[in-house]
PDB file of N, CA and C in Angstrom:
ATOM      1  N   MET A   1       0.889  -1.276  -0.185  1.00  0.00           N
ATOM      2  CA  MET A   1       0.355  -0.070  -0.424  1.00  0.00           C
ATOM      3  C   MET A   1       1.073   1.577   0.009  1.00  0.00           C
ATOM      4  N   LYS A   2       0.863   2.559  -0.844  1.00  0.00           N
ATOM      5  CA  LYS A   2       1.225   3.431  -0.955  1.00  0.00           C
ATOM      6  C   LYS A   2      -0.088   4.747  -0.923  1.00  0.00           C
ATOM      7  N   ILE A   3       0.976   5.424  -0.050  1.00  0.00           N
ATOM      8  CA  ILE A   3      -0.124   6.337   0.657  1.00  0.00           C
ATOM      9  C   ILE A   3       1.065   7.854   0.167  1.00  0.00           C
ATOM     10  N   SER A   4       0.836   8.681  -0.970  1.00  0.00           N
ATOM     11  CA  SER A   4       0.860   9.596  -0.952  1.00  0.00           C
ATOM     12  C   SER A   4       0.424  11.096  -1.358  1.00  0.00           C
ATOM     13  N   ASN A   5       0.900  11.961  -1.815  1.00  0.00           N
ATOM     14  CA  ASN A   5      -0.657  13.708  -2.008  1.00  0.00           C
ATOM     15  C   ASN A   5      -0.982  13.810  -0.646  1.00  0.00           C
ATOM     16  N   LEU A   6       0.041  13.645   0.764  1.00  0.00           N
ATOM     17  CA  LEU A   6      -0.663  13.863   2.329  1.00  0.00           C
ATOM     18  C   LEU A   6      -0.750  14.920   2.080  1.00  0.00           C
ATOM     19  N   ASN A   7      -1.978  16.154   2.960  1.00  0.00           N
ATOM     20  CA  ASN A   7      -1.896  17.470   3.095  1.00  0.00           C
ATOM     21  C   ASN A   7      -2.496  16.936   4.586  1.00  0.00           C
ATOM     22  N   PHE A   8      -2.124  17.781   4.984  1.00  0.00           N
ATOM     23  CA  PHE A   8      -2.612  18.339   6.354  1.00  0.00           C
ATOM     24  C   PHE A   8      -2.804  19.791   6.408  1.00  0.00           C
ATOM     25  N   THR A   9      -4.091  19.833   7.239  1.00  0.00           N
ATOM     26  CA  THR A   9      -4.633  21.398   7.092  1.00  0.00           C
ATOM     27  C   THR A   9      -4.423  21.435   8.691  1.00  0.00           C
ATOM     28  N   ALA A  10      -3.692  22.346   9.164  1.00  0.00           N
ATOM     29  CA  ALA A  10      -4.074  22.299  11.321  1.00  0.00           C
ATOM     30  C   ALA A  10      -5.287  23.750  11.467  1.00  0.00           C
ATOM     31  N   ILE A  11      -6.412  23.867  12.555  1.00  0.00           N
ATOM     32  CA  ILE A  11      -7.156  24.067  12.567  1.00  0.00           C
ATOM     33  C   ILE A  11      -6.732  24.671  13.961  1.00  0.00           C
ATOM     34  N   ARG A  12      -7.804  25.486  14.475  1.00  0.00           N
ATOM     35  CA  ARG A  12      -7.456  26.213  15.802  1.00  0.00           C
ATOM     36  C   ARG A  12      -8.123  25.055  16.577  1.00  0.00           C
ATOM     37  N   PRO A  13      -6.896  24.257  17.653  1.00  0.00           N
ATOM     38  CA  PRO A  13      -7.869  23.277  18.560  1.00  0.00           C
ATOM     39  C   PRO A  13      -9.029  22.715  19.028  1.00  0.00           C
ATOM     40  N   ARG A  14      -9.871  21.869  18.498  1.00  0.00           N
ATOM     41  CA  ARG A  14     -11.023  21.945  19.193  1.00  0.00           C
ATOM     42  C   ARG A  14     -10.888  20.946  19.926  1.00  0.00           C
ATOM     43  N   GLY A  15     -10.976  20.960  21.864  1.00  0.00           N
ATOM     44  CA  GLY A  15     -10.584  19.379  22.216  1.00  0.00           C
ATOM     45  C   GLY A  15      -9.766  19.013  21.679  1.00  0.00           C
ATOM     46  N   SER A  16      -9.968  17.529  21.101  1.00  0.00           N
ATOM     47  CA  SER A  16      -8.489  17.333  20.813  1.00  0.00           C
ATOM     48  C   SER A  16      -8.121  17.299  19.444  1.00  0.00           C
ATOM     49  N   LEU A  17      -8.889  17.462  18.423  1.00  0.00           N
ATOM     50  CA  LEU A  17      -9.526  17.910  17.213  1.00  0.00           C
ATOM     51  C   LEU A  17      -8.197  19.072  16.765  1.00  0.00           C
ATOM     52  N   ILE A  18      -7.050  18.771  15.901  1.00  0.00           N
ATOM     53  CA  ILE A  18      -6.320  19.096  15.592  1.00  0.00           C
ATOM     54  C   ILE A  18      -5.827  19.740  14.042  1.00  0.00           C
ATOM     55  N   GLY A  19      -7.287  18.726  13.534  1.00  0.00           N
ATOM     56  CA  GLY A  19      -6.804  19.116  11.944  1.00  0.00           C
ATOM     57  C   GLY A  19      -7.237  17.834  11.124  1.00  0.00           C
ATOM     58  N   PHE A  20      -6.975  18.484   9.568  1.00  0.00           N
ATOM     59  CA  PHE A  20      -8.169  17.150   8.841  1.00  0.00           C
ATOM     60  C   PHE A  20      -6.608  17.186   7.748  1.00  0.00           C
ATOM     61  N   ALA A  21      -6.636  15.626   7.597  1.00  0.00           N
ATOM     62  CA  ALA A  21      -5.845  15.077   6.553  1.00  0.00           C
ATOM     63  C   ALA A  21      -6.298  14.975   5.284  1.00  0.00           C
ATOM     64  N   ASN A  22      -5.961  14.895   4.365  1.00  0.00           N
ATOM     65  CA  ASN A  22      -6.410  14.167   2.781  1.00  0.00           C
ATOM     66  C   ASN A  22      -5.213  13.224   2.133  1.00  0.00           C
ATOM     67  N   LEU A  23      -5.511  12.509   1.520  1.00  0.00           N
ATOM     68  CA  LEU A  23      -4.037  11.671   1.091  1.00  0.00           C
ATOM     69  C   LEU A  23      -4.680  10.372   0.306  1.00  0.00           C
ATOM     70  N   THR A  24      -3.927  10.455  -0.831  1.00  0.00           N
ATOM     71  CA  THR A  24      -4.627   9.449  -1.745  1.00  0.00           C
ATOM     72  C   THR A  24      -3.461   8.029  -1.670  1.00  0.00           C
ATOM     73  N   LEU A  25      -4.414   7.229  -1.513  1.00  0.00           N
ATOM     74  CA  LEU A  25      -3.744   5.630  -1.685  1.00  0.00           C
ATOM     75  C   LEU A  25      -3.840   4.823  -2.631  1.00  0.00           C
ATOM     76  N   ASP A  26      -2.368   4.625  -2.454  1.00  0.00           N
ATOM     77  CA  ASP A  26      -1.929   3.300  -4.242  1.00  0.00           C
ATOM     78  C   ASP A  26      -2.364   4.291  -5.566  1.00  0.00           C
ATOM     79  N   GLY A  27      -2.031   5.627  -5.627  1.00  0.00           N
ATOM     80  CA  GLY A  27      -2.504   6.269  -6.650  1.00  0.00           C
ATOM     81  C   GLY A  27      -3.653   6.293  -7.323  1.00  0.00           C
ATOM     82  N   ASN A  28      -4.937   5.520  -6.300  1.00  0.00           N
ATOM     83  CA  ASN A  28      -6.355   5.380  -6.946  1.00  0.00           C
ATOM     84  C   ASN A  28      -7.237   6.005  -6.437  1.00  0.00           C
ATOM     85  N   LEU A  29      -6.856   5.977  -5.086  1.00  0.00           N
ATOM     86  CA  LEU A  29      -8.040   6.499  -4.234  1.00  0.00           C
ATOM     87  C   LEU A  29      -8.233   7.778  -3.463  1.00  0.00           C
ATOM     88  N   TYR A  30      -8.769   8.699  -3.279  1.00  0.00           N
ATOM     89  CA  TYR A  30      -8.258  10.203  -2.892  1.00  0.00           C
ATOM     90  C   TYR A  30      -9.597   9.932  -1.583  1.00  0.00           C
ATOM     91  N   LEU A  31      -8.753   9.955  -0.228  1.00  0.00           N
ATOM     92  CA  LEU A  31      -9.579  10.118   0.743  1.00  0.00           C
ATOM     93  C   LEU A  31      -9.376  11.454   1.247  1.00  0.00           C
ATOM     94  N   GLY A  32      -9.985  11.999   1.839  1.00  0.00           N
ATOM     95  CA  GLY A  32     -10.243  13.550   2.262  1.00  0.00           C
ATOM     96  C   GLY A  32     -11.526  13.638   3.973  1.00  0.00           C
ATOM     97  N   ASP A  33     -10.291  14.640   4.698  1.00  0.00           N
ATOM     98  CA  ASP A  33     -11.408  14.514   5.637  1.00  0.00           C
ATOM     99  C   ASP A  33     -11.540  14.042   6.691  1.00  0.00           C
ATOM    100  N   ILE A  34     -10.265  13.185   6.537  1.00  0.00           N
ATOM    101  CA  ILE A  34      -9.942  13.009   8.090  1.00  0.00           C
ATOM    102  C   ILE A  34      -9.428  13.529   8.936  1.00  0.00           C
ATOM    103  N   GLY A  35     -10.073  13.829  10.281  1.00  0.00           N
ATOM    104  CA  GLY A  35      -9.944  14.015  11.499  1.00  0.00           C
ATOM    105  C   GLY A  35      -9.076  13.895  12.137  1.00  0.00           C
ATOM    106  N   VAL A  36      -7.880  14.714  12.855  1.00  0.00           N
ATOM    107  CA  VAL A  36      -7.050  14.381  13.434  1.00  0.00           C
ATOM    108  C   VAL A  36      -7.132  14.438  14.955  1.00  0.00           C
ATOM    109  N   HIS A  37      -6.574  13.853  15.738  1.00  0.00           N
ATOM    110  CA  HIS A  37      -7.110  14.084  17.030  1.00  0.00           C
ATOM    111  C   HIS A  37      -5.431  13.675  17.723  1.00  0.00           C
ATOM    112  N   LEU A  38      -5.148  14.635  18.763  1.00  0.00           N
ATOM    113  CA  LEU A  38      -3.886  14.727  19.561  1.00  0.00           C
ATOM    114  C   LEU A  38      -4.707  14.435  21.148  1.00  0.00           C
ATOM    115  N   LYS A  39      -4.506  12.905  20.937  1.00  0.00           N
ATOM    116  CA  LYS A  39      -4.271  12.354  22.756  1.00  0.00           C
ATOM    117  C   LYS A  39      -3.615  13.048  23.867  1.00  0.00           C
ATOM    118  N   SER A  40      -4.039  12.822  24.978  1.00  0.00           N
ATOM    119  CA  SER A  40      -3.456  13.601  26.092  1.00  0.00           C
ATOM    120  C   SER A  40      -1.978  12.888  26.064  1.00  0.00           C
ATOM    121  N   ASP A  41      -1.725  11.816  25.640  1.00  0.00           N
ATOM    122  CA  ASP A  41      -0.456  11.157  25.580  1.00  0.00           C
ATOM    123  C   ASP A  41       0.205  11.053  24.532  1.00  0.00           C
ATOM    124  N   GLY A  42      -0.001  12.047  23.680  1.00  0.00           N
ATOM    125  CA  GLY A  42       1.168  12.751  22.604  1.00  0.00           C
ATOM    126  C   GLY A  42       0.403  11.672  21.276  1.00  0.00           C
ATOM    127  N   GLU A  43       0.119  10.666  21.456  1.00  0.00           N
ATOM    128  CA  GLU A  43      -0.651   9.590  19.823  1.00  0.00           C
ATOM    129  C   GLU A  43      -1.916  10.505  19.387  1.00  0.00           C
ATOM    130  N   VAL A  44      -1.460   9.821  17.951  1.00  0.00           N
ATOM    131  CA  VAL A  44      -2.622  11.081  16.997  1.00  0.00           C
ATOM    132  C   VAL A  44      -3.389   9.573  16.812  1.00  0.00           C
ATOM    133  N   SER A  45      -4.770  10.319  17.230  1.00  0.00           N
ATOM    134  CA  SER A  45      -6.041   8.618  16.761  1.00  0.00           C
ATOM    135  C   SER A  45      -6.666   9.509  15.374  1.00  0.00           C
ATOM    136  N   LEU A  46      -7.292   9.223  14.678  1.00  0.00           N
ATOM    137  CA  LEU A  46      -7.878   9.216  13.412  1.00  0.00           C
ATOM    138  C   LEU A  46      -9.324   9.485  13.393  1.00  0.00           C
ATOM    139  N   ALA A  47     -10.337  10.154  12.729  1.00  0.00           N
ATOM    140  CA  ALA A  47     -11.760   9.943  12.678  1.00  0.00           C
ATOM    141  C   ALA A  47     -12.114   9.968  11.262  1.00  0.00           C
ATOM    142  N   PHE A  48     -12.820   8.925  10.948  1.00  0.00           N
ATOM    143  CA  PHE A  48     -13.021   9.215   9.219  1.00  0.00           C
ATOM    144  C   PHE A  48     -14.505   9.761   9.774  1.00  0.00           C
ATOM    145  N   PRO A  49     -15.129  10.139   8.085  1.00  0.00           N
ATOM    146  CA  PRO A  49     -15.790  10.982   7.873  1.00  0.00           C
ATOM    147  C   PRO A  49     -17.284  10.054   7.841  1.00  0.00           C
ATOM    148  N   THR A  50     -18.422  10.626   8.419  1.00  0.00           N
ATOM    149  CA  THR A  50     -19.504   9.982   8.487  1.00  0.00           C
ATOM    150  C   THR A  50     -20.640  11.145   8.396  1.00  0.00           C
ATOM    151  N   LYS A  51     -22.096  10.578   8.256  1.00  0.00           N
ATOM    152  CA  LYS A  51     -22.917  11.389   7.300  1.00  0.00           C
ATOM    153  C   LYS A  51     -23.783  10.718   8.709  1.00  0.00           C
ATOM    154  N   ARG A  52     -24.892  11.971   8.636  1.00  0.00           N
ATOM    155  CA  ARG A  52     -26.149  11.611   9.905  1.00  0.00           C
ATOM    156  C   ARG A  52     -27.019  11.571   8.938  1.00  0.00           C
ATOM    157  N   LEU A  53     -28.079  10.317   8.804  1.00  0.00           N
ATOM    158  CA  LEU A  53     -29.325  10.211   8.713  1.00  0.00           C
ATOM    159  C   LEU A  53     -30.012  10.227   9.204  1.00  0.00           C
ATOM    160  N   GLY A  54     -31.051  10.849   9.946  1.00  0.00           N
ATOM    161  CA  GLY A  54     -31.668  11.257  10.790  1.00  0.00           C
ATOM    162  C   GLY A  54     -31.314  10.752  12.662  1.00  0.00           C
ATOM    163  N   GLU A  55     -31.202   9.998  13.058  1.00  0.00           N
ATOM    164  CA  GLU A  55     -30.641   9.244  13.776  1.00  0.00           C
ATOM    165  C   GLU A  55     -29.511   8.473  13.869  1.00  0.00           C
ATOM    166  N   THR A  56     -29.205   8.141  12.425  1.00  0.00           N
ATOM    167  CA  THR A  56     -27.859   6.935  12.065  1.00  0.00           C
ATOM    168  C   THR A  56     -26.953   7.898  11.935  1.00  0.00           C
ATOM    169  N   LYS A  57     -26.033   7.626  12.229  1.00  0.00           N
ATOM    170  CA  LYS A  57     -24.533   7.459  11.704  1.00  0.00           C
ATOM    171  C   LYS A  57     -23.786   7.114  10.603  1.00  0.00           C
ATOM    172  N   ILE A  58     -24.191   7.046   9.566  1.00  0.00           N
ATOM    173  CA  ILE A  58     -23.125   6.087   8.858  1.00  0.00           C
ATOM    174  C   ILE A  58     -22.028   6.454   7.826  1.00  0.00           C
ATOM    175  N   GLY A  59     -21.263   5.308   8.277  1.00  0.00           N
ATOM    176  CA  GLY A  59     -19.514   5.785   7.771  1.00  0.00           C
ATOM    177  C   GLY A  59     -19.414   5.653   6.203  1.00  0.00           C
ATOM    178  N   ILE A  60     -18.837   6.861   5.901  1.00  0.00           N
ATOM    179  CA  ILE A  60     -18.345   7.075   4.233  1.00  0.00           C
ATOM    180  C   ILE A  60     -17.311   6.101   4.102  1.00  0.00           C
ATOM    181  N   TYR A  61     -16.112   6.075   4.649  1.00  0.00           N
ATOM    182  CA  TYR A  61     -15.314   5.015   4.234  1.00  0.00           C
ATOM    183  C   TYR A  61     -14.590   5.242   5.267  1.00  0.00           C
ATOM    184  N   HIS A  62     -14.017   4.246   5.342  1.00  0.00           N
ATOM    185  CA  HIS A  62     -12.563   3.714   7.028  1.00  0.00           C
ATOM    186  C   HIS A  62     -12.223   1.997   6.857  1.00  0.00           C
ATOM    187  N   PRO A  63     -10.974   2.445   7.377  1.00  0.00           N
ATOM    188  CA  PRO A  63     -10.371   1.182   6.774  1.00  0.00           C
ATOM    189  C   PRO A  63     -10.822   0.000   7.152  1.00  0.00           C
ATOM    190  N   ILE A  64     -10.168  -1.288   6.514  1.00  0.00           N
ATOM    191  CA  ILE A  64     -11.661  -2.362   7.101  1.00  0.00           C
ATOM    192  C   ILE A  64     -10.247  -3.092   7.724  1.00  0.00           C
ATOM    193  N   ASN A  65      -8.791  -3.220   8.257  1.00  0.00           N
ATOM    194  CA  ASN A  65      -8.250  -3.844   8.982  1.00  0.00           C
ATOM    195  C   ASN A  65      -7.458  -2.705   9.685  1.00  0.00           C
ATOM    196  N   LYS A  66      -6.818  -3.524  10.652  1.00  0.00           N
ATOM    197  CA  LYS A  66      -5.985  -2.841  11.819  1.00  0.00           C
ATOM    198  C   LYS A  66      -4.435  -2.125  11.016  1.00  0.00           C
ATOM    199  N   LYS A  67      -3.953  -3.323   9.781  1.00  0.00           N
ATOM    200  CA  LYS A  67      -2.722  -3.122   9.248  1.00  0.00           C
ATOM    201  C   LYS A  67      -3.186  -1.712   8.177  1.00  0.00           C
ATOM    202  N   THR A  68      -4.134  -1.727   7.719  1.00  0.00           N
ATOM    203  CA  THR A  68      -4.434  -0.260   7.121  1.00  0.00           C
ATOM    204  C   THR A  68      -4.876   0.888   7.883  1.00  0.00           C
ATOM    205  N   GLU A  69      -5.315   1.012   8.834  1.00  0.00           N
ATOM    206  CA  GLU A  69      -5.525   1.909   9.812  1.00  0.00           C
ATOM    207  C   GLU A  69      -4.101   2.713  10.522  1.00  0.00           C
ATOM    208  N   GLU A  70      -3.517   1.484  10.997  1.00  0.00           N
ATOM    209  CA  GLU A  70      -1.911   1.778  11.074  1.00  0.00           C
ATOM    210  C   GLU A  70      -1.203   2.465  10.735  1.00  0.00           C
ATOM    211  N   ALA A  71      -1.139   2.516   9.142  1.00  0.00           N
ATOM    212  CA  ALA A  71      -0.103   2.421   8.010  1.00  0.00           C
ATOM    213  C   ALA A  71      -0.451   4.508   7.430  1.00  0.00           C
ATOM    214  N   ILE A  72      -1.798   4.254   8.006  1.00  0.00           N
ATOM    215  CA  ILE A  72      -2.339   5.884   7.901  1.00  0.00           C
ATOM    216  C   ILE A  72      -1.979   6.597   8.734  1.00  0.00           C
ATOM    217  N   ARG A  73      -2.495   6.079   9.905  1.00  0.00           N
ATOM    218  CA  ARG A  73      -1.898   6.776  11.315  1.00  0.00           C
ATOM    219  C   ARG A  73      -0.656   7.237  11.255  1.00  0.00           C
ATOM    220  N   LYS A  74       0.281   6.331  10.890  1.00  0.00           N
ATOM    221  CA  LYS A  74       1.759   6.493  10.895  1.00  0.00           C
ATOM    222  C   LYS A  74       2.177   7.613   9.847  1.00  0.00           C
ATOM    223  N   ALA A  75       1.666   7.410   8.977  1.00  0.00           N
ATOM    224  CA  ALA A  75       2.168   8.643   7.696  1.00  0.00           C
ATOM    225  C   ALA A  75       1.336  10.521   8.247  1.00  0.00           C
ATOM    226  N   ILE A  76       0.123   9.728   8.686  1.00  0.00           N
ATOM    227  CA  ILE A  76      -0.386  11.389   9.026  1.00  0.00           C
ATOM    228  C   ILE A  76       0.496  11.438  10.273  1.00  0.00           C
ATOM    229  N   GLU A  77       0.769  10.861  11.261  1.00  0.00           N
ATOM    230  CA  GLU A  77       1.520  11.846  12.521  1.00  0.00           C
ATOM    231  C   GLU A  77       2.928  12.213  11.981  1.00  0.00           C
ATOM    232  N   GLU A  78       3.470  11.148  11.462  1.00  0.00           N
ATOM    233  CA  GLU A  78       5.212  11.523  10.441  1.00  0.00           C
ATOM    234  C   GLU A  78       4.850  13.368   9.548  1.00  0.00           C
ATOM    235  N   LYS A  79       3.827  13.163   8.797  1.00  0.00           N
ATOM    236  CA  LYS A  79       3.420  14.892   8.359  1.00  0.00           C
ATOM    237  C   LYS A  79       3.338  15.215   9.513  1.00  0.00           C
ATOM    238  N   VAL A  80       2.347  15.583  10.520  1.00  0.00           N
ATOM    239  CA  VAL A  80       2.043  16.040  11.668  1.00  0.00           C
ATOM    240  C   VAL A  80       3.505  16.978  12.375  1.00  0.00           C
ATOM    241  N   GLU A  81       4.741  15.505  12.900  1.00  0.00           N
ATOM    242  CA  GLU A  81       5.547  15.859  13.350  1.00  0.00           C
ATOM    243  C   GLU A  81       6.572  16.407  12.194  1.00  0.00           C
ATOM    244  N   GLU A  82       6.403  16.492  11.065  1.00  0.00           N
ATOM    245  CA  GLU A  82       7.207  17.286   9.942  1.00  0.00           C
ATOM    246  C   GLU A  82       7.038  18.944  10.119  1.00  0.00           C
ATOM    247  N   LEU A  83       5.547  18.951  10.477  1.00  0.00           N
ATOM    248  CA  LEU A  83       5.147  20.782  10.248  1.00  0.00           C
ATOM    249  C   LEU A  83       5.482  21.078  11.714  1.00  0.00           C
ATOM    250  N   ASN A  84       5.848  20.406  12.875  1.00  0.00           N
ATOM    251  CA  ASN A  84       6.206  20.783  13.843  1.00  0.00           C
ATOM    252  C   ASN A  84       4.997  21.109  15.023  1.00  0.00           C
ATOM    253  N   LEU A  85       4.406  20.738  14.581  1.00  0.00           N
ATOM    254  CA  LEU A  85       2.747  20.710  15.094  1.00  0.00           C
ATOM    255  C   LEU A  85       2.556  20.344  16.389  1.00  0.00           C
ATOM    256  N   PHE A  86       3.566  19.017  17.268  1.00  0.00           N
ATOM    257  CA  PHE A  86       3.180  18.432  18.063  1.00  0.00           C
ATOM    258  C   PHE A  86       3.679  19.733  19.501  1.00  0.00           C
ATOM    259  N   ASN A  87       4.689  20.184  18.829  1.00  0.00           N
ATOM    260  CA  ASN A  87       4.997  21.325  20.160  1.00  0.00           C
ATOM    261  C   ASN A  87       4.408  22.749  20.141  1.00  0.00           C
ATOM    262  N   GLU A  88       3.257  23.230  18.719  1.00  0.00           N
ATOM    263  CA  GLU A  88       2.260  23.551  19.407  1.00  0.00           C
ATOM    264  C   GLU A  88       1.197  23.263  19.891  1.00  0.00           C
ATOM    265  N   GLN A  89       0.711  22.502  19.584  1.00  0.00           N
ATOM    266  CA  GLN A  89      -0.116  21.735  20.811  1.00  0.00           C
ATOM    267  C   GLN A  89      -0.223  21.446  21.602  1.00  0.00           C
ATOM    268  N   LEU A  90       0.806  21.141  22.479  1.00  0.00           N
ATOM    269  CA  LEU A  90       0.616  20.616  24.208  1.00  0.00           C
ATOM    270  C   LEU A  90       1.359  21.635  24.981  1.00  0.00           C
TER     271      LEU A  90
END
């Protein structure tokens, strides 16, 4: 699996939310609006887009296995580190 074209847009922190990531997976699939949260232990967690239909929340997309989620999380975490956002948020 190849993750490319990774972009991170920082926002003024709201709770643990520090920004949103967009990326291309295997050069064929664009994934956008991934919420990036900074947990109190310094780890990054991700929130994949959902849509509310009445009382029901429907996942727009999300990884189907832990290996894929971890690869995406690690790539985003490295991008956040590269932008030196950890020091600004802590």
